[in-house]
Amino acid sequence: MAEMSKTKKIITSIVVPVLIIGIILLCVHLFTLKNVKTFLEIPIDRLNSEYTSVIDKQNTYLGHPDLVLTDDGKLLTFYPSGHGKGAIIGKYSEDLGESWQDITDTPSSWEKSQETPCVYNIHKTDGTSVLVLTSGSPYWSDVNLMPDGFNCSISTNNGATWTEFSNFFGQKWAEDKNASLGTDEYAAYDAIVAMSSLTQLKDEDGNYIDKWLGTFHRGASEYGMDGGEAFVNYATYLTFDEDNEPVWSEPVRLLEKHRELEEKYGMCEIEIIRNPENDCLILIARANNRVSNSVICYSYDEGESWTQPKELPNCLTGDRHKAEYDPVSGKVIISFRQYLSNGDKFKKSALSPEKYLTDGWVAWIGDFEDLMSFSKEDSTEYTYGDKVLILGKNYKKADCGYSGVVILDDGTVITDSYGYFSPTARYPYIMQAKFKINDVI
């Protein structure tokens, strides 16, 4: 009996302190819990599930889609079968997202895509259109892929057929350039998210021309042009030759005047939207170094120069912004991966090892006036928009939110993204959100 009593005392002496410590830690966690809503300047709401549907869900990783509407009324979406790199998968919908079918006839070169595909419907001044799909070829250390510029494929028949990839500013370009100039200063571009934006430009009289400003960025590797410099953003201009083949101009630094801030913030994945009221180009960038919120700046000369980058509020902070204007509601919608991370204030709790907060895939809804309120250099009198809408609650960290956005003539927003949008999801899948802005604000 004495031995049993002694054993109980030993067990008690161990268990009780452990329980007390556990209770204390649980209380600390519960009483220091924070959520996104606490930090946003405007209301946040969750999109009703009746507006969402699954496009593709497989027993493998699916990620980073883009979306486009063709001139004959089809929706096309493309995404990699893997995280960034992987064969490009295509789906089409002939009923505006009510159902989706596989695109089975795709170029063989798409099988070796090294990056997230981006797709645009280019409308020329002669009334013709071209679908342009681009995919970067950056440095991937885990599979020993070296920088190789970016690839481009086009369709002139609303996506029925596509050309094989043509490579631009890759290793062969660098070799030919050095050979012709007798130098060794040129290297392939380390192109990431090419083209994160593609913006049709205007002439001095305000008329659209057949020239588009494309953007991409490099990472922080030692390889490729400007090797060793992290988060350099480039501009390359798209035109078409007499055979309707795409011609991309040699990349130039987009934000050289603001290089110090570009590097400090880790600006990348640039989105550009034109304000129709004053023809100002509005640039929104991911701030990958996580020392600031996302960043905004403006151009009043068709992208030739940009104002000093300025931090955005929490309600617009995250990664891979995609912006479109809805003429029916008069609102701008910006889809992105929400990611609040700038110091300990965004830790989920005092005990959390991760210093960020997110609800996943979200959309900011507001006016051009709200976006322009940050253009005044010395002003702090901002307007923040109407609402942040959670399009897809993500249940595994922040791996989600790259998206394509289409707005129909009747104001219907159709957008898709990837993510772990259910608590039991083993892999990210592709989900669609379809709604009218006037129904959710």
Protein backbone atom coordinates (compact mmCIF):
# COMPACT_ATOMS: atom_id res chain seq x y z
CA MET A 1 0.00 0.00 0.00
CA ALA A 2 2.80 2.33 0.89
CA GLU A 3 4.43 1.68 -2.50
CA MET A 4 1.14 2.38 -4.32
CA SER A 5 0.70 5.58 -2.38
CA LYS A 6 4.22 6.61 -3.28
CA THR A 7 3.56 5.87 -6.96
CA LYS A 8 0.37 7.94 -6.90
CA LYS A 9 2.24 10.84 -5.36
CA ILE A 10 4.88 10.65 -8.08
CA ILE A 11 2.24 10.52 -10.83
CA THR A 12 0.33 13.37 -9.22
CA SER A 13 3.47 15.46 -8.89
CA ILE A 14 4.00 15.08 -12.64
CA VAL A 15 0.44 15.22 -13.97
CA VAL A 16 -0.82 18.16 -11.94
CA PRO A 17 1.92 20.62 -13.02
CA VAL A 18 1.49 19.46 -16.63
CA LEU A 19 -2.25 20.07 -16.40
CA ILE A 20 -1.72 23.48 -14.84
CA ILE A 21 0.79 24.46 -17.51
CA GLY A 22 -1.58 23.15 -20.21
CA ILE A 23 -4.48 25.16 -18.82
CA ILE A 24 -2.32 28.29 -18.61
CA LEU A 25 -1.15 27.85 -22.23
CA LEU A 26 -4.70 27.23 -23.40
CA CYS A 27 -5.88 30.38 -21.64
CA VAL A 28 -3.04 32.41 -23.15
CA HIS A 29 -3.94 31.08 -26.60
CA LEU A 30 -7.66 31.76 -26.22
CA PHE A 31 -7.30 35.20 -24.70
CA THR A 32 -4.78 36.38 -27.31
CA LEU A 33 -6.57 35.00 -30.37
CA LYS A 34 -6.78 37.48 -33.23
CA ASN A 35 -8.65 37.36 -36.51
CA VAL A 36 -8.54 39.27 -39.78
CA LYS A 37 -11.72 41.20 -39.02
CA THR A 38 -9.97 42.97 -36.14
CA PHE A 39 -7.50 44.62 -38.50
CA LEU A 40 -9.56 45.51 -41.55
CA GLU A 41 -10.68 49.07 -42.19
CA ILE A 42 -13.92 47.99 -43.88
CA PRO A 43 -16.47 45.20 -43.29
CA ILE A 44 -15.61 41.63 -44.23
CA ASP A 45 -18.22 39.08 -45.22
CA ARG A 46 -18.21 35.53 -46.57
CA LEU A 47 -19.68 34.75 -49.97
CA ASN A 48 -22.62 32.38 -49.67
CA SER A 49 -21.79 28.87 -50.87
CA GLU A 50 -24.66 29.04 -53.38
CA TYR A 51 -22.39 31.27 -55.49
CA THR A 52 -19.47 28.80 -55.57
CA SER A 53 -18.81 25.52 -57.40
CA VAL A 54 -15.92 23.15 -58.01
CA ILE A 55 -14.27 23.24 -61.44
CA ASP A 56 -11.64 20.55 -60.90
CA LYS A 57 -10.70 18.40 -57.91
CA GLN A 58 -8.21 15.54 -58.21
CA ASN A 59 -6.02 13.41 -55.99
CA THR A 60 -3.09 15.68 -56.78
CA TYR A 61 -2.03 19.31 -56.45
CA LEU A 62 -3.84 21.77 -58.74
CA GLY A 63 -2.94 25.44 -58.54
CA HIS A 64 -2.66 29.00 -59.82
CA PRO A 65 -5.39 29.38 -62.49
CA ASP A 66 -6.16 32.21 -64.87
CA LEU A 67 -9.45 32.78 -66.68
CA VAL A 68 -10.51 34.43 -69.92
CA LEU A 69 -13.72 35.06 -71.89
CA THR A 70 -13.50 34.46 -75.64
CA ASP A 71 -15.28 36.53 -78.27
CA ASP A 72 -17.66 33.66 -79.00
CA GLY A 73 -18.76 33.49 -75.37
CA LYS A 74 -16.70 30.62 -73.97
CA LEU A 75 -14.85 30.69 -70.68
CA LEU A 76 -11.37 29.19 -70.71
CA THR A 77 -9.33 28.50 -67.60
CA PHE A 78 -5.75 27.20 -67.41
CA TYR A 79 -3.69 26.06 -64.44
CA PRO A 80 -0.57 23.96 -63.70
CA SER A 81 -0.69 20.40 -62.43
CA GLY A 82 1.59 21.25 -59.54
CA HIS A 83 2.80 24.15 -57.44
CA GLY A 84 3.72 26.68 -60.13
CA LYS A 85 5.49 24.27 -62.44
CA GLY A 86 3.74 21.39 -64.15
CA ALA A 87 1.84 20.53 -67.32
CA ILE A 88 -0.85 23.09 -68.14
CA ILE A 89 -4.41 21.84 -67.71
CA GLY A 90 -7.22 23.54 -69.62
CA LYS A 91 -10.99 23.58 -69.10
CA TYR A 92 -13.71 25.32 -71.11
CA SER A 93 -17.30 26.28 -70.39
CA GLU A 94 -19.92 27.05 -73.02
CA ASP A 95 -22.56 28.03 -70.45
CA LEU A 96 -20.67 30.73 -68.51
CA GLY A 97 -19.38 28.51 -65.75
CA GLU A 98 -22.41 26.33 -65.13
CA SER A 99 -20.46 23.31 -66.36
CA TRP A 100 -16.86 22.65 -67.43
CA GLN A 101 -15.22 20.26 -69.88
CA ASP A 102 -11.61 19.23 -70.50
CA ILE A 103 -9.57 20.87 -73.23
CA THR A 104 -7.92 17.80 -74.72
CA ASP A 105 -6.13 19.24 -77.76
CA THR A 106 -3.30 21.30 -76.31
CA PRO A 107 0.26 21.85 -77.57
CA SER A 108 2.82 19.26 -76.50
CA SER A 109 5.13 22.04 -75.30
CA TRP A 110 2.60 22.89 -72.57
CA GLU A 111 3.52 19.60 -70.90
CA LYS A 112 6.84 21.08 -69.77
CA SER A 113 5.55 24.41 -68.48
CA GLN A 114 7.75 25.78 -65.70
CA GLU A 115 5.38 28.37 -64.26
CA THR A 116 1.84 29.58 -63.73
CA PRO A 117 0.03 30.27 -67.03
CA CYS A 118 -1.46 33.72 -67.63
CA VAL A 119 -4.03 34.22 -70.42
CA TYR A 120 -5.48 37.34 -72.06
CA ASN A 121 -7.93 38.15 -74.85
CA ILE A 122 -6.16 40.78 -76.94
CA HIS A 123 -8.40 43.07 -79.02
CA LYS A 124 -6.62 44.86 -81.84
CA THR A 125 -7.62 48.18 -83.33
CA ASP A 126 -8.66 46.49 -86.59
CA GLY A 127 -11.38 44.56 -84.76
CA THR A 128 -9.61 41.19 -84.66
CA SER A 129 -8.65 39.40 -81.47
CA VAL A 130 -5.92 37.03 -80.30
CA LEU A 131 -5.75 34.89 -77.18
CA VAL A 132 -2.30 35.11 -75.62
CA LEU A 133 -1.06 32.58 -73.05
CA THR A 134 2.27 33.11 -71.34
CA SER A 135 4.26 31.03 -68.89
CA GLY A 136 7.54 32.00 -67.25
CA SER A 137 10.63 29.80 -67.09
CA PRO A 138 12.31 30.75 -63.82
CA TYR A 139 15.01 29.08 -61.77
CA TRP A 140 13.78 26.08 -59.78
CA SER A 141 16.44 24.79 -57.39
CA ASP A 142 14.54 21.65 -56.35
CA VAL A 143 14.41 20.21 -59.89
CA ASN A 144 17.52 21.89 -61.30
CA LEU A 145 15.70 24.05 -63.85
CA MET A 146 17.68 27.09 -64.92
CA PRO A 147 16.17 30.45 -66.00
CA ASP A 148 14.92 30.39 -69.57
CA GLY A 149 12.93 33.61 -70.13
CA PHE A 150 9.25 33.07 -70.81
CA ASN A 151 7.08 31.13 -73.24
CA CYS A 152 4.16 32.38 -75.33
CA SER A 153 1.38 30.57 -77.15
CA ILE A 154 -1.46 32.17 -79.13
CA SER A 155 -4.86 31.25 -80.52
CA THR A 156 -6.63 33.12 -83.31
CA ASN A 157 -9.79 30.99 -83.23
CA ASN A 158 -11.14 31.59 -79.73
CA GLY A 159 -9.07 28.82 -78.16
CA ALA A 160 -10.02 25.98 -80.55
CA THR A 161 -6.31 25.49 -81.33
CA TRP A 162 -3.09 26.93 -79.93
CA THR A 163 0.43 27.36 -81.25
CA GLU A 164 3.33 25.57 -79.64
CA PHE A 165 5.29 27.64 -77.14
CA SER A 166 7.70 30.19 -78.56
CA ASN A 167 10.48 31.10 -76.15
CA PHE A 168 11.51 34.69 -75.52
CA PHE A 169 14.65 35.95 -73.76
CA GLY A 170 15.74 32.50 -72.71
CA GLN A 171 19.06 30.71 -72.91
CA LYS A 172 19.21 30.56 -76.71
CA TRP A 173 18.42 34.29 -76.95
CA ALA A 174 21.25 35.05 -74.50
CA GLU A 175 23.71 32.85 -76.40
CA ASP A 176 22.83 34.47 -79.73
CA LYS A 177 22.99 37.96 -78.21
CA ASN A 178 26.43 37.37 -76.72
CA ALA A 179 27.70 35.79 -79.93
CA SER A 180 26.53 38.70 -82.08
CA LEU A 181 27.96 41.34 -79.73
CA GLY A 182 31.08 39.45 -78.70
CA THR A 183 30.20 39.75 -75.00
CA ASP A 184 29.20 37.52 -72.12
CA GLU A 185 26.99 40.01 -70.30
CA TYR A 186 23.64 38.60 -71.39
CA ALA A 187 21.88 35.76 -69.60
CA ALA A 188 18.39 34.30 -69.82
CA TYR A 189 15.76 36.18 -67.87
CA ASP A 190 14.55 34.59 -64.66
CA ALA A 191 10.88 35.29 -65.44
CA ILE A 192 8.31 34.68 -62.70
CA VAL A 193 4.54 35.12 -63.27
CA ALA A 194 4.87 36.26 -66.86
CA MET A 195 2.69 38.22 -67.68
CA SER A 196 1.22 39.14 -64.32
CA SER A 197 -0.46 42.01 -66.16
CA LEU A 198 -0.92 42.90 -69.83
CA THR A 199 -2.25 46.39 -70.49
CA GLN A 200 -3.23 47.92 -73.82
CA LEU A 201 -1.64 51.33 -74.26
CA LYS A 202 -2.87 54.59 -75.79
CA ASP A 203 -1.28 57.24 -77.99
CA GLU A 204 -0.93 60.94 -77.14
CA ASP A 205 -4.47 61.60 -78.35
CA GLY A 206 -5.92 59.00 -76.01
CA ASN A 207 -6.61 56.39 -78.70
CA TYR A 208 -5.83 52.73 -78.11
CA ILE A 209 -2.91 51.35 -80.13
CA ASP A 210 -1.74 47.83 -80.91
CA LYS A 211 0.83 47.75 -78.14
CA TRP A 212 0.53 46.10 -74.76
CA LEU A 213 2.63 46.55 -71.60
CA GLY A 214 3.47 43.20 -70.03
CA THR A 215 5.11 42.69 -66.63
CA PHE A 216 7.04 39.96 -64.86
CA HIS A 217 9.62 39.79 -62.06
CA ARG A 218 12.71 37.85 -61.10
CA GLY A 219 13.30 36.12 -57.78
CA ALA A 220 16.38 36.15 -55.61
CA SER A 221 18.58 33.56 -57.31
CA GLU A 222 22.10 34.19 -58.55
CA TYR A 223 21.13 33.02 -62.03
CA GLY A 224 19.75 34.89 -65.01
CA MET A 225 19.86 38.56 -65.97
CA ASP A 226 20.56 40.81 -62.98
CA GLY A 227 21.53 37.69 -61.03
CA GLY A 228 21.69 38.32 -57.30
CA GLU A 229 19.23 41.21 -57.35
CA ALA A 230 15.96 40.24 -55.76
CA PHE A 231 12.52 41.25 -56.98
CA VAL A 232 13.35 43.28 -60.06
CA ASN A 233 10.18 44.00 -62.06
CA TYR A 234 10.41 44.20 -65.84
CA ALA A 235 8.34 45.69 -68.64
CA THR A 236 8.17 44.05 -72.05
CA TYR A 237 5.98 45.40 -74.84
CA LEU A 238 3.86 43.12 -77.00
CA THR A 239 3.17 43.92 -80.65
CA PHE A 240 2.37 41.72 -83.65
CA ASP A 241 4.22 41.41 -86.93
CA GLU A 242 2.65 41.28 -90.41
CA ASP A 243 2.08 37.53 -90.01
CA ASN A 244 0.21 38.09 -86.75
CA GLU A 245 3.07 36.56 -84.76
CA PRO A 246 3.72 38.00 -81.27
CA VAL A 247 6.76 40.22 -80.87
CA TRP A 248 7.99 41.02 -77.36
CA SER A 249 10.45 43.85 -76.79
CA GLU A 250 13.62 43.27 -74.81
CA PRO A 251 12.72 43.64 -71.11
CA VAL A 252 13.57 46.85 -69.28
CA ARG A 253 13.32 47.62 -65.59
CA LEU A 254 9.88 48.93 -64.79
CA LEU A 255 10.56 50.66 -61.47
CA GLU A 256 14.23 51.59 -61.70
CA LYS A 257 13.56 55.07 -60.29
CA HIS A 258 12.16 53.43 -57.16
CA ARG A 259 14.62 50.56 -56.97
CA GLU A 260 15.34 51.06 -53.26
CA LEU A 261 11.69 50.66 -52.28
CA GLU A 262 11.09 47.92 -54.87
CA GLU A 263 13.85 45.88 -53.22
CA LYS A 264 12.88 46.81 -49.66
CA TYR A 265 9.27 45.71 -50.08
CA GLY A 266 10.00 42.78 -52.39
CA MET A 267 7.53 44.10 -54.96
CA CYS A 268 6.31 41.46 -57.40
CA GLU A 269 3.28 39.93 -59.16
CA ILE A 270 2.25 43.34 -60.43
CA GLU A 271 -1.32 44.06 -61.50
CA ILE A 272 -2.20 47.15 -63.55
CA ILE A 273 -5.70 48.53 -64.11
CA ARG A 274 -6.63 51.66 -66.05
CA ASN A 275 -8.79 54.28 -64.37
CA PRO A 276 -11.22 55.26 -67.17
CA GLU A 277 -11.93 58.64 -65.59
CA ASN A 278 -8.44 60.05 -66.04
CA ASP A 279 -6.54 57.33 -67.98
CA CYS A 280 -4.22 56.86 -64.99
CA LEU A 281 -2.63 53.43 -64.76
CA ILE A 282 -2.88 52.02 -61.23
CA LEU A 283 -0.23 49.49 -60.21
CA ILE A 284 -0.73 47.15 -57.24
CA ALA A 285 2.09 44.85 -56.11
CA ARG A 286 2.60 42.00 -53.70
CA ALA A 287 5.14 42.91 -51.01
CA ASN A 288 6.94 39.60 -50.66
CA ASN A 289 9.49 40.61 -48.01
CA ARG A 290 6.65 40.86 -45.48
CA VAL A 291 7.99 44.06 -43.95
CA SER A 292 5.07 46.11 -45.25
CA ASN A 293 1.57 45.93 -46.60
CA SER A 294 0.96 45.58 -50.32
CA VAL A 295 2.03 48.54 -52.44
CA ILE A 296 0.39 50.91 -54.92
CA CYS A 297 1.71 53.49 -57.39
CA TYR A 298 0.46 55.38 -60.46
CA SER A 299 1.47 56.30 -63.98
CA TYR A 300 0.11 59.27 -65.96
CA ASP A 301 2.25 58.62 -69.05
CA GLU A 302 1.26 55.11 -70.14
CA GLY A 303 3.74 53.35 -67.86
CA GLU A 304 6.84 55.32 -68.81
CA SER A 305 7.21 56.55 -65.21
CA TRP A 306 5.59 55.75 -61.89
CA THR A 307 4.92 57.63 -58.69
CA GLN A 308 6.70 56.57 -55.52
CA PRO A 309 5.32 53.27 -54.21
CA LYS A 310 3.06 53.68 -51.21
CA GLU A 311 1.71 51.12 -48.74
CA LEU A 312 -1.90 50.07 -49.00
CA PRO A 313 -4.25 49.48 -46.04
CA ASN A 314 -4.82 46.03 -44.58
CA CYS A 315 -8.02 45.53 -46.57
CA LEU A 316 -6.03 45.44 -49.82
CA THR A 317 -2.99 43.55 -48.57
CA GLY A 318 -2.07 40.18 -49.99
CA ASP A 319 -0.65 38.45 -53.05
CA ARG A 320 -1.42 38.25 -56.78
CA HIS A 321 -4.05 40.95 -57.20
CA LYS A 322 -6.33 40.71 -60.25
CA ALA A 323 -8.52 43.78 -60.87
CA GLU A 324 -11.51 44.38 -63.12
CA TYR A 325 -14.10 47.16 -63.45
CA ASP A 326 -17.82 46.45 -63.43
CA PRO A 327 -19.69 49.17 -65.38
CA VAL A 328 -23.06 47.92 -64.09
CA SER A 329 -22.37 48.53 -60.40
CA GLY A 330 -19.64 51.11 -61.06
CA LYS A 331 -17.35 49.16 -58.75
CA VAL A 332 -13.86 47.74 -59.00
CA ILE A 333 -13.32 44.19 -57.82
CA ILE A 334 -9.83 42.99 -56.90
CA SER A 335 -9.33 39.29 -56.26
CA PHE A 336 -6.25 38.18 -54.30
CA ARG A 337 -4.73 35.94 -51.67
CA GLN A 338 -5.19 37.70 -48.35
CA TYR A 339 -1.95 37.77 -46.37
CA LEU A 340 -1.48 40.11 -43.43
CA SER A 341 2.10 39.82 -42.22
CA ASN A 342 4.12 42.70 -40.81
CA GLY A 343 5.43 41.97 -37.33
CA ASP A 344 3.98 40.19 -34.33
CA LYS A 345 0.66 42.03 -34.43
CA PHE A 346 -0.62 39.61 -37.09
CA LYS A 347 0.18 36.42 -35.17
CA LYS A 348 -2.94 34.32 -34.70
CA SER A 349 -2.17 34.14 -30.99
CA ALA A 350 0.72 34.78 -28.64
CA LEU A 351 1.72 31.12 -29.00
CA SER A 352 1.45 30.89 -32.78
CA PRO A 353 4.76 30.26 -34.58
CA GLU A 354 3.47 31.89 -37.78
CA LYS A 355 3.32 35.66 -38.07
CA TYR A 356 0.44 36.17 -40.46
CA LEU A 357 -3.33 36.18 -40.69
CA THR A 358 -5.49 35.19 -43.64
CA ASP A 359 -9.00 34.12 -44.50
CA GLY A 360 -7.77 32.77 -47.83
CA TRP A 361 -9.07 33.83 -51.24
CA VAL A 362 -10.77 37.21 -50.99
CA ALA A 363 -12.03 40.10 -53.12
CA TRP A 364 -11.91 43.81 -52.32
CA ILE A 365 -14.86 45.81 -53.67
CA GLY A 366 -14.70 49.59 -53.97
CA ASP A 367 -14.44 52.56 -56.32
CA PHE A 368 -11.66 54.03 -58.42
CA GLU A 369 -11.90 57.03 -56.08
CA ASP A 370 -10.87 54.75 -53.21
CA LEU A 371 -7.81 53.54 -55.12
CA MET A 372 -6.93 57.09 -56.17
CA SER A 373 -7.16 58.35 -52.57
CA PHE A 374 -3.68 56.90 -51.99
CA SER A 375 -2.21 58.91 -54.88
CA LYS A 376 -1.91 62.12 -52.88
CA GLU A 377 1.66 62.15 -51.65
CA ASP A 378 1.27 63.84 -48.28
CA SER A 379 -2.36 62.97 -47.57
CA THR A 380 -3.52 60.44 -45.00
CA GLU A 381 -7.21 61.02 -45.73
CA TYR A 382 -7.98 57.76 -47.43
CA THR A 383 -11.17 55.98 -48.37
CA TYR A 384 -10.95 52.23 -48.06
CA GLY A 385 -13.73 50.79 -50.21
CA ASP A 386 -16.99 49.03 -49.46
CA LYS A 387 -16.24 45.49 -48.44
CA VAL A 388 -13.83 42.56 -48.40
CA LEU A 389 -15.54 39.38 -49.53
CA ILE A 390 -14.20 35.95 -48.59
CA LEU A 391 -14.61 34.00 -51.81
CA GLY A 392 -13.00 30.82 -50.53
CA LYS A 393 -12.01 30.18 -46.93
CA ASN A 394 -8.66 28.40 -47.06
CA TYR A 395 -7.91 25.67 -44.53
CA LYS A 396 -4.19 25.16 -45.05
CA LYS A 397 -2.01 28.15 -44.36
CA ALA A 398 -2.18 30.66 -47.23
CA ASP A 399 -1.67 28.42 -50.26
CA CYS A 400 -4.48 29.79 -52.42
CA GLY A 401 -5.80 32.88 -54.13
CA TYR A 402 -4.18 33.21 -57.56
CA SER A 403 -7.13 33.81 -59.82
CA GLY A 404 -8.63 34.97 -63.06
CA VAL A 405 -11.52 37.46 -63.13
CA VAL A 406 -14.13 38.00 -65.87
CA ILE A 407 -17.04 40.45 -65.70
CA LEU A 408 -19.93 39.94 -68.11
CA ASP A 409 -21.97 42.72 -69.70
CA ASP A 410 -24.78 42.21 -67.17
CA GLY A 411 -22.40 42.68 -64.24
CA THR A 412 -21.93 39.01 -63.41
CA VAL A 413 -18.50 38.37 -61.90
CA ILE A 414 -16.94 35.00 -62.72
CA THR A 415 -13.66 34.18 -61.05
CA ASP A 416 -11.76 31.03 -60.15
CA SER A 417 -8.88 30.17 -57.86
CA TYR A 418 -7.08 27.26 -56.24
CA GLY A 419 -6.97 26.38 -52.56
CA TYR A 420 -7.82 24.01 -49.74
CA PHE A 421 -11.39 25.25 -49.62
CA SER A 422 -12.72 22.48 -47.38
CA PRO A 423 -11.37 21.32 -43.99
CA THR A 424 -10.80 17.80 -45.31
CA ALA A 425 -9.04 18.72 -48.56
CA ARG A 426 -5.76 16.82 -48.99
CA TYR A 427 -4.76 18.81 -52.07
CA PRO A 428 -5.72 22.24 -53.39
CA TYR A 429 -8.41 22.25 -56.05
CA ILE A 430 -9.96 24.72 -58.49
CA MET A 431 -13.12 26.51 -57.39
CA GLN A 432 -15.32 29.09 -59.10
CA ALA A 433 -17.22 32.02 -57.62
CA LYS A 434 -20.02 33.56 -59.69
CA PHE A 435 -22.10 36.50 -58.47
CA LYS A 436 -23.18 40.08 -59.10
CA ILE A 437 -21.54 42.82 -57.07
CA ASN A 438 -24.87 44.52 -56.40
CA ASP A 439 -26.06 41.28 -54.73
CA VAL A 440 -23.20 41.12 -52.23
CA ILE A 441 -22.51 44.71 -51.12
